[in-house]
Protein backbone atom coordinates (compact mmCIF):
# COMPACT_ATOMS: atom_id res chain seq x y z
CA MET A 1 0.04 -0.03 0.00
CA VAL A 2 1.30 3.39 -0.95
CA ILE A 3 1.55 5.97 1.99
CA LEU A 4 0.99 9.39 0.86
CA PRO A 5 3.28 12.28 2.18
CA GLU A 6 0.46 13.93 4.13
CA SER A 7 -0.35 10.71 6.07
CA GLU A 8 3.24 9.40 6.95
CA HIS A 9 3.33 11.28 10.20
CA PRO A 10 0.89 12.92 12.57
CA ILE A 11 1.78 16.54 12.09
CA LYS A 12 0.50 18.32 8.99
CA ALA A 13 3.00 20.48 7.13
CA TYR A 14 2.87 22.78 3.99
CA GLY A 15 5.61 23.61 1.58
CA TYR A 16 6.63 23.75 -2.10
CA ALA A 17 7.80 20.61 -3.82
CA ALA A 18 8.97 19.34 -7.16
CA ARG A 19 7.08 16.36 -8.55
CA ASP A 20 9.12 15.42 -11.60
CA PRO A 21 12.49 16.27 -13.26
CA SER A 22 10.95 19.44 -14.81
CA GLY A 23 11.84 20.81 -11.42
CA SER A 24 8.76 22.94 -11.25
CA LEU A 25 7.76 23.70 -7.70
CA SER A 26 4.19 23.99 -6.42
CA PRO A 27 2.37 23.79 -3.10
CA LEU A 28 2.46 20.44 -1.26
CA THR A 29 0.71 19.14 1.81
CA PHE A 30 2.75 16.65 3.58
CA SER A 31 3.46 15.66 7.18
CA ARG A 32 6.24 15.65 9.85
CA ARG A 33 6.99 13.40 12.78
CA ALA A 34 5.63 14.19 16.24
CA THR A 35 8.29 15.83 18.42
CA GLY A 36 10.45 13.23 19.94
CA GLU A 37 12.33 13.50 23.35
CA LYS A 38 15.45 14.96 21.74
CA ASP A 39 13.70 16.82 18.96
CA VAL A 40 13.43 20.59 18.35
CA ARG A 41 10.50 21.90 16.28
CA PHE A 42 10.59 25.35 14.81
CA LYS A 43 8.68 27.68 12.66
CA VAL A 44 10.58 28.44 9.39
CA LEU A 45 11.24 32.10 8.82
CA TYR A 46 13.80 32.19 6.08
CA CYS A 47 15.35 29.64 3.75
CA GLY A 48 18.20 30.23 1.18
CA ILE A 49 18.19 28.75 -2.26
CA CYS A 50 21.34 26.88 -2.97
CA HIS A 51 22.52 25.91 -6.49
CA SER A 52 22.33 22.21 -5.38
CA ASP A 53 18.60 22.68 -4.82
CA LEU A 54 18.27 23.35 -8.50
CA HIS A 55 20.31 20.22 -9.31
CA PHE A 56 18.26 18.15 -6.91
CA VAL A 57 14.72 19.10 -8.12
CA LYS A 58 15.69 18.37 -11.81
CA ASN A 59 17.25 15.04 -10.80
CA GLU A 60 20.51 15.96 -12.29
CA TRP A 61 22.50 13.79 -9.92
CA GLY A 62 20.14 10.73 -10.47
CA VAL A 63 19.12 10.25 -6.94
CA THR A 64 16.00 12.31 -6.45
CA LYS A 65 12.72 10.62 -5.34
CA TYR A 66 9.63 12.77 -5.82
CA PRO A 67 7.91 14.70 -4.30
CA VAL A 68 10.97 16.64 -3.01
CA THR A 69 10.86 19.71 -0.99
CA PRO A 70 14.25 21.34 -1.11
CA GLY A 71 15.95 23.84 1.19
CA HIS A 72 18.92 23.36 3.54
CA GLU A 73 19.76 26.98 4.58
CA ILE A 74 16.92 27.28 7.13
CA VAL A 75 16.40 29.56 10.09
CA GLY A 76 13.43 29.97 12.30
CA VAL A 77 12.07 30.18 15.91
CA VAL A 78 11.52 27.23 18.24
CA THR A 79 8.02 26.32 18.93
CA GLU A 80 8.28 23.06 20.75
CA VAL A 81 11.05 20.98 22.33
CA GLY A 82 11.29 17.32 23.51
CA SER A 83 11.45 16.43 27.08
CA LYS A 84 15.18 15.74 26.97
CA VAL A 85 16.29 18.62 24.86
CA GLU A 86 19.06 20.45 26.69
CA LYS A 87 20.27 23.17 24.39
CA PHE A 88 17.17 24.95 23.23
CA LYS A 89 13.98 26.37 24.54
CA ILE A 90 10.77 27.78 23.05
CA GLY A 91 11.45 31.12 21.36
CA ASP A 92 15.12 30.56 20.51
CA LYS A 93 16.29 31.51 17.03
CA VAL A 94 17.81 28.49 15.40
CA GLY A 95 19.22 27.13 12.05
CA VAL A 96 19.43 23.88 10.25
CA GLY A 97 21.88 23.23 7.54
CA CYS A 98 22.73 20.37 5.09
CA MET A 99 22.33 17.49 7.56
CA VAL A 100 19.54 16.33 10.03
CA GLY A 101 21.08 12.98 11.05
CA SER A 102 24.10 10.61 11.05
CA CYS A 103 24.93 7.41 12.97
CA ARG A 104 26.60 9.44 15.78
CA SER A 105 29.09 6.54 16.60
CA CYS A 106 31.53 6.12 13.76
CA ARG A 107 34.95 7.57 13.51
CA SER A 108 33.75 10.46 11.53
CA CYS A 109 31.00 11.34 13.82
CA ASP A 110 33.24 10.86 16.84
CA SER A 111 35.58 13.34 15.26
CA ASN A 112 32.89 16.02 14.62
CA TYR A 113 33.00 15.17 10.95
CA GLU A 114 29.24 14.24 10.63
CA GLN A 115 29.27 15.31 7.08
CA ASP A 116 31.60 12.28 6.20
CA CYS A 117 29.29 9.72 7.97
CA SER A 118 28.20 6.92 5.66
CA LYS A 119 24.86 7.05 7.26
CA GLN A 120 24.48 10.94 7.09
CA ILE A 121 20.86 11.98 6.50
CA GLY A 122 20.50 15.07 4.26
CA THR A 123 18.05 17.67 5.08
CA TYR A 124 15.77 16.93 2.08
CA GLY A 125 15.23 14.13 -0.25
CA PHE A 126 17.07 11.32 1.82
CA PRO A 127 15.53 8.43 3.83
CA ASN A 128 15.39 9.01 7.48
CA PHE A 129 15.98 6.31 10.02
CA ASP A 130 12.32 5.32 10.09
CA GLY A 131 12.30 4.90 6.28
CA THR A 132 10.37 8.06 5.27
CA GLN A 133 11.78 10.84 3.14
CA THR A 134 13.15 14.06 4.61
CA TYR A 135 11.54 17.31 3.56
CA GLY A 136 13.58 20.69 3.58
CA GLY A 137 13.06 24.30 4.34
CA TYR A 138 10.77 25.42 1.55
CA SER A 139 8.01 24.69 4.14
CA ASP A 140 6.19 26.20 7.03
CA HIS A 141 8.10 24.28 9.85
CA MET A 142 10.84 21.80 10.59
CA VAL A 143 11.64 19.15 13.16
CA SER A 144 15.13 17.92 13.79
CA ASP A 145 17.18 16.14 16.52
CA GLU A 146 18.74 18.82 18.72
CA HIS A 147 22.36 17.68 17.71
CA PHE A 148 21.81 19.05 14.21
CA VAL A 149 20.14 22.33 15.24
CA LEU A 150 22.50 25.38 15.41
CA ARG A 151 22.08 28.10 17.95
CA TRP A 152 21.61 31.45 16.00
CA PRO A 153 23.86 34.27 17.23
CA GLU A 154 21.85 37.22 18.48
CA ASN A 155 23.54 39.88 16.23
CA LEU A 156 23.51 37.74 13.03
CA PRO A 157 20.64 38.72 10.68
CA LEU A 158 18.35 35.91 9.94
CA ASP A 159 17.63 36.60 6.33
CA SER A 160 21.17 37.34 4.98
CA GLY A 161 22.69 34.96 7.53
CA ALA A 162 20.72 31.92 6.31
CA PRO A 163 22.98 31.09 3.26
CA LEU A 164 25.95 30.75 5.72
CA LEU A 165 24.54 27.35 6.68
CA CYS A 166 25.63 26.14 3.36
CA ALA A 167 27.85 28.70 1.55
CA GLY A 168 29.41 29.90 4.85
CA ILE A 169 30.55 26.46 6.14
CA THR A 170 31.50 25.37 2.71
CA THR A 171 34.07 28.11 2.39
CA TYR A 172 34.97 28.57 6.14
CA SER A 173 35.73 24.85 6.58
CA PRO A 174 38.68 24.49 4.00
CA LEU A 175 40.19 27.83 4.97
CA ARG A 176 40.42 26.55 8.52
CA TYR A 177 41.34 22.90 7.65
CA PHE A 178 44.09 23.67 5.10
CA GLY A 179 45.78 26.40 7.23
CA LEU A 180 44.63 29.21 4.98
CA ASP A 181 43.06 31.20 8.00
CA LYS A 182 45.99 33.20 9.24
CA PRO A 183 46.92 36.86 8.74
CA GLY A 184 49.16 37.49 5.75
CA ILE A 185 48.37 34.31 3.94
CA LYS A 186 47.74 34.75 0.28
CA VAL A 187 44.51 33.21 -0.85
CA GLY A 188 42.84 32.99 -4.18
CA VAL A 189 39.15 32.60 -4.75
CA VAL A 190 37.87 31.17 -8.19
CA GLY A 191 34.44 32.38 -9.13
CA LEU A 192 32.52 35.32 -7.61
CA GLY A 193 29.09 33.78 -7.16
CA GLY A 194 27.03 32.48 -4.05
CA LEU A 195 30.08 30.63 -2.64
CA GLY A 196 32.72 32.82 -3.95
CA HIS A 197 31.54 36.11 -2.48
CA VAL A 198 31.19 34.48 0.95
CA ALA A 199 34.74 33.03 0.56
CA VAL A 200 36.17 36.28 -0.01
CA LYS A 201 34.54 37.76 3.17
CA MET A 202 35.65 34.75 5.29
CA ALA A 203 39.17 35.01 4.00
CA LYS A 204 39.50 38.71 4.59
CA ALA A 205 38.13 38.27 8.05
CA PHE A 206 40.93 35.84 8.76
CA GLY A 207 43.37 38.62 7.64
CA ALA A 208 44.38 36.92 4.35
CA GLU A 209 45.47 38.91 1.23
CA VAL A 210 42.77 37.91 -1.34
CA THR A 211 42.89 37.54 -5.05
CA VAL A 212 39.69 36.85 -6.99
CA PHE A 213 39.74 34.91 -10.36
CA SER A 214 36.79 35.36 -12.66
CA THR A 215 35.95 35.12 -16.36
CA THR A 216 33.71 38.13 -15.94
CA PRO A 217 35.70 41.42 -16.05
CA ALA A 218 32.68 43.35 -14.93
CA LYS A 219 32.96 41.73 -11.54
CA GLU A 220 36.35 43.53 -10.86
CA GLN A 221 34.64 46.56 -9.18
CA GLU A 222 32.38 44.39 -7.09
CA ALA A 223 35.42 42.30 -5.99
CA ILE A 224 37.62 45.27 -5.13
CA GLU A 225 35.31 47.88 -3.98
CA GLY A 226 32.36 45.89 -2.74
CA LEU A 227 33.99 42.85 -1.02
CA LYS A 228 37.45 44.49 -0.33
CA ALA A 229 39.42 41.92 -2.26
CA ASP A 230 43.02 42.89 -2.77
CA HIS A 231 43.50 41.87 -6.45
CA PHE A 232 41.26 40.81 -9.40
CA ILE A 233 42.51 38.65 -12.22
CA ASN A 234 40.41 37.96 -15.37
CA SER A 235 41.28 34.36 -15.68
CA LYS A 236 41.13 34.50 -19.56
CA ASP A 237 43.90 37.02 -19.55
CA VAL A 238 46.93 34.95 -20.39
CA GLN A 239 49.33 37.55 -19.38
CA LYS A 240 47.83 38.30 -16.04
CA MET A 241 47.64 34.57 -15.28
CA GLN A 242 51.16 34.15 -16.26
CA ALA A 243 52.19 37.13 -13.84
CA ALA A 244 50.36 35.41 -11.03
CA ARG A 245 52.64 32.28 -11.24
CA GLY A 246 53.89 31.29 -7.75
CA THR A 247 52.17 33.85 -5.72
CA LEU A 248 49.37 32.14 -3.84
CA ASP A 249 49.60 29.88 -0.72
CA GLY A 250 46.13 28.44 -1.37
CA ILE A 251 43.13 28.71 -3.66
CA ILE A 252 39.48 28.02 -2.84
CA ASP A 253 37.87 27.00 -6.25
CA THR A 254 34.13 27.55 -6.04
CA VAL A 255 33.23 27.08 -9.84
CA SER A 256 31.03 24.18 -10.76
CA GLY A 257 31.44 24.68 -14.53
CA ASN A 258 34.07 23.10 -16.36
CA HIS A 259 37.31 25.14 -16.37
CA PRO A 260 41.08 24.55 -16.73
CA ILE A 261 42.84 23.64 -13.51
CA ALA A 262 46.54 23.96 -14.73
CA PRO A 263 46.64 27.74 -14.68
CA LEU A 264 45.44 27.65 -11.06
CA LEU A 265 48.06 25.17 -10.04
CA ASN A 266 50.69 27.42 -11.71
CA ALA A 267 49.47 30.33 -9.37
CA LEU A 268 50.34 28.29 -6.31
CA THR A 269 53.60 28.73 -4.28
CA PRO A 270 55.51 25.54 -3.61
CA ARG A 271 53.46 23.45 -1.13
CA GLY A 272 50.49 25.46 -2.15
CA LYS A 273 46.85 23.94 -1.85
CA LEU A 274 44.08 24.10 -4.55
CA VAL A 275 40.94 23.26 -2.74
CA LEU A 276 37.74 22.36 -4.89
CA VAL A 277 34.42 23.13 -3.29
CA GLY A 278 32.59 23.33 -6.62
CA ALA A 279 31.82 20.22 -8.57
CA PRO A 280 32.52 20.43 -12.33
CA GLU A 281 30.69 17.79 -14.47
CA LYS A 282 33.87 16.55 -16.20
CA PRO A 283 36.74 14.82 -14.67
CA LEU A 284 39.78 17.08 -13.95
CA GLU A 285 42.76 17.09 -16.25
CA ILE A 286 46.07 17.49 -14.21
CA ALA A 287 49.58 16.98 -15.48
CA ALA A 288 51.52 15.01 -12.94
CA PHE A 289 54.51 17.38 -12.97
CA SER A 290 52.29 20.33 -11.98
CA LEU A 291 51.92 18.61 -8.71
CA ILE A 292 55.25 16.98 -8.35
CA MET A 293 57.20 20.12 -8.89
CA GLY A 294 56.65 22.18 -5.82
CA ARG A 295 54.88 19.39 -3.79
CA LYS A 296 51.49 21.03 -4.47
CA THR A 297 48.15 19.66 -3.37
CA VAL A 298 44.74 19.31 -4.99
CA ALA A 299 42.08 18.58 -2.41
CA GLY A 300 38.34 18.76 -1.92
CA SER A 301 35.92 19.94 0.81
CA ASN A 302 32.36 19.47 1.65
CA ILE A 303 30.63 21.52 4.24
CA GLY A 304 31.73 20.77 7.87
CA GLY A 305 30.53 19.17 11.00
CA ILE A 306 28.01 20.47 13.40
CA LYS A 307 30.53 21.86 15.86
CA GLU A 308 32.37 23.73 13.16
CA THR A 309 29.22 25.03 11.68
CA GLN A 310 28.36 26.46 15.02
CA GLU A 311 31.85 27.91 15.16
CA MET A 312 31.37 29.40 11.76
CA LEU A 313 28.16 31.16 12.72
CA ASP A 314 29.68 32.69 15.72
CA PHE A 315 32.82 33.81 13.71
CA ALA A 316 30.43 35.41 11.05
CA ALA A 317 28.52 37.16 13.80
CA GLU A 318 31.72 38.52 15.32
CA HIS A 319 32.94 39.83 12.03
CA GLY A 320 29.76 40.96 10.46
CA ILE A 321 29.73 38.52 7.72
CA THR A 322 26.49 37.79 5.88
CA ALA A 323 25.58 36.74 2.29
CA ASP A 324 24.48 39.47 -0.31
CA ILE A 325 21.04 38.40 -0.96
CA GLU A 326 17.73 39.16 -2.70
CA VAL A 327 14.58 38.22 -0.50
CA ILE A 328 11.72 36.65 -2.50
CA PRO A 329 8.15 35.28 -1.62
CA ILE A 330 7.90 31.61 -2.19
CA ASP A 331 5.63 31.84 -5.03
CA TYR A 332 8.49 33.48 -6.87
CA VAL A 333 10.62 30.36 -6.53
CA ASN A 334 10.37 29.04 -10.02
CA THR A 335 11.39 32.27 -11.47
CA ALA A 336 14.28 32.43 -8.95
CA MET A 337 15.37 29.02 -10.14
CA GLU A 338 15.34 30.13 -13.79
CA ARG A 339 17.43 33.23 -12.84
CA LEU A 340 19.80 31.17 -10.84
CA LEU A 341 20.33 28.94 -13.74
CA LYS A 342 21.50 32.07 -15.74
CA SER A 343 23.56 33.36 -12.64
CA ASP A 344 21.14 36.31 -12.57
CA VAL A 345 21.41 37.05 -8.88
CA ARG A 346 23.83 38.91 -6.62
CA TYR A 347 24.51 36.52 -4.91
CA ARG A 348 21.86 34.42 -3.13
CA PHE A 349 18.00 34.22 -3.14
CA VAL A 350 16.50 33.85 0.23
CA ILE A 351 12.76 32.85 0.52
CA ASP A 352 10.82 34.93 3.12
CA VAL A 353 8.90 31.69 4.13
CA ALA A 354 7.00 32.94 7.14
CA ASN A 355 5.37 35.88 5.36
CA SER A 356 4.57 34.17 2.13
CA ILE A 357 3.81 30.50 2.52
CA LYS A 358 0.03 29.79 3.05
CA ALA A 359 -1.64 26.45 3.74
CA GLU A 360 -3.67 25.20 0.79
């Protein structure tokens, strides 16, 4: 017997969902579980739109099960807590990012790297421990185990802070892990989009000297004057790329489109690190000697654990770091997805969920 989304659990919920690979989102009535003893339930106030939402609703990664309600940059206010919840109370401002579960006992979980747990549960579109599917933040409320709920810093805006739950931790974590978080370090940021603009802000807050690489010359003014980057290089300019050889201690590559890697490796100093946080469709082409000569590293990074995500939020609040956003009502979401596909946003859409979602 097929169990419909609205009857899986006892608590009715409302959201927007895609029902097929067209990716078109429309209202959906579904359900969420009752509040367990370690659960936190909260009203969703804002939810950022991540580029991975677009990939997922269109099933471009081949794993989507419909209907799917996206959203993993979620902030809200607590409305109910379970009897054994210790960290939160009703009325607290909270956030939920890319994960709502993991095994909590493997080596990765014990080391605060829940994002690497083989049993990690994504915030939307993944099977939960009870076999039902998770639904994300394009919805009126959420419920999550308190371990995966973040305390929201008092002076961090809810709307422009929401994208930090993905874009923020995706860029903060590799800067920290690969030692690119110290004053005077020379850091390159490839791409000036949703991830890239936050990477610049994070690196500058650590005291790094930041160089932005982009194929769009028009972004130079925004990079230098708006984001306070120290240098801008049009990566199509062969002469400027040549002049950058051997100048950077590390590079955070945020670009998901296919692009050449060799010029970026050339820009690294000996023992420099190129860290990929974007996911190009085609495999990388890397000449062995570009790594061997100078003992350079090509690495990857994917969000961060819960402890580090909380650390990132506190760091962002301390240094006044937020995403540059355009706030939209939820019924604009399909247009926003079309614009996102064309990179027609500076730099993140955020849905004003609380003021625009209405039960059908």
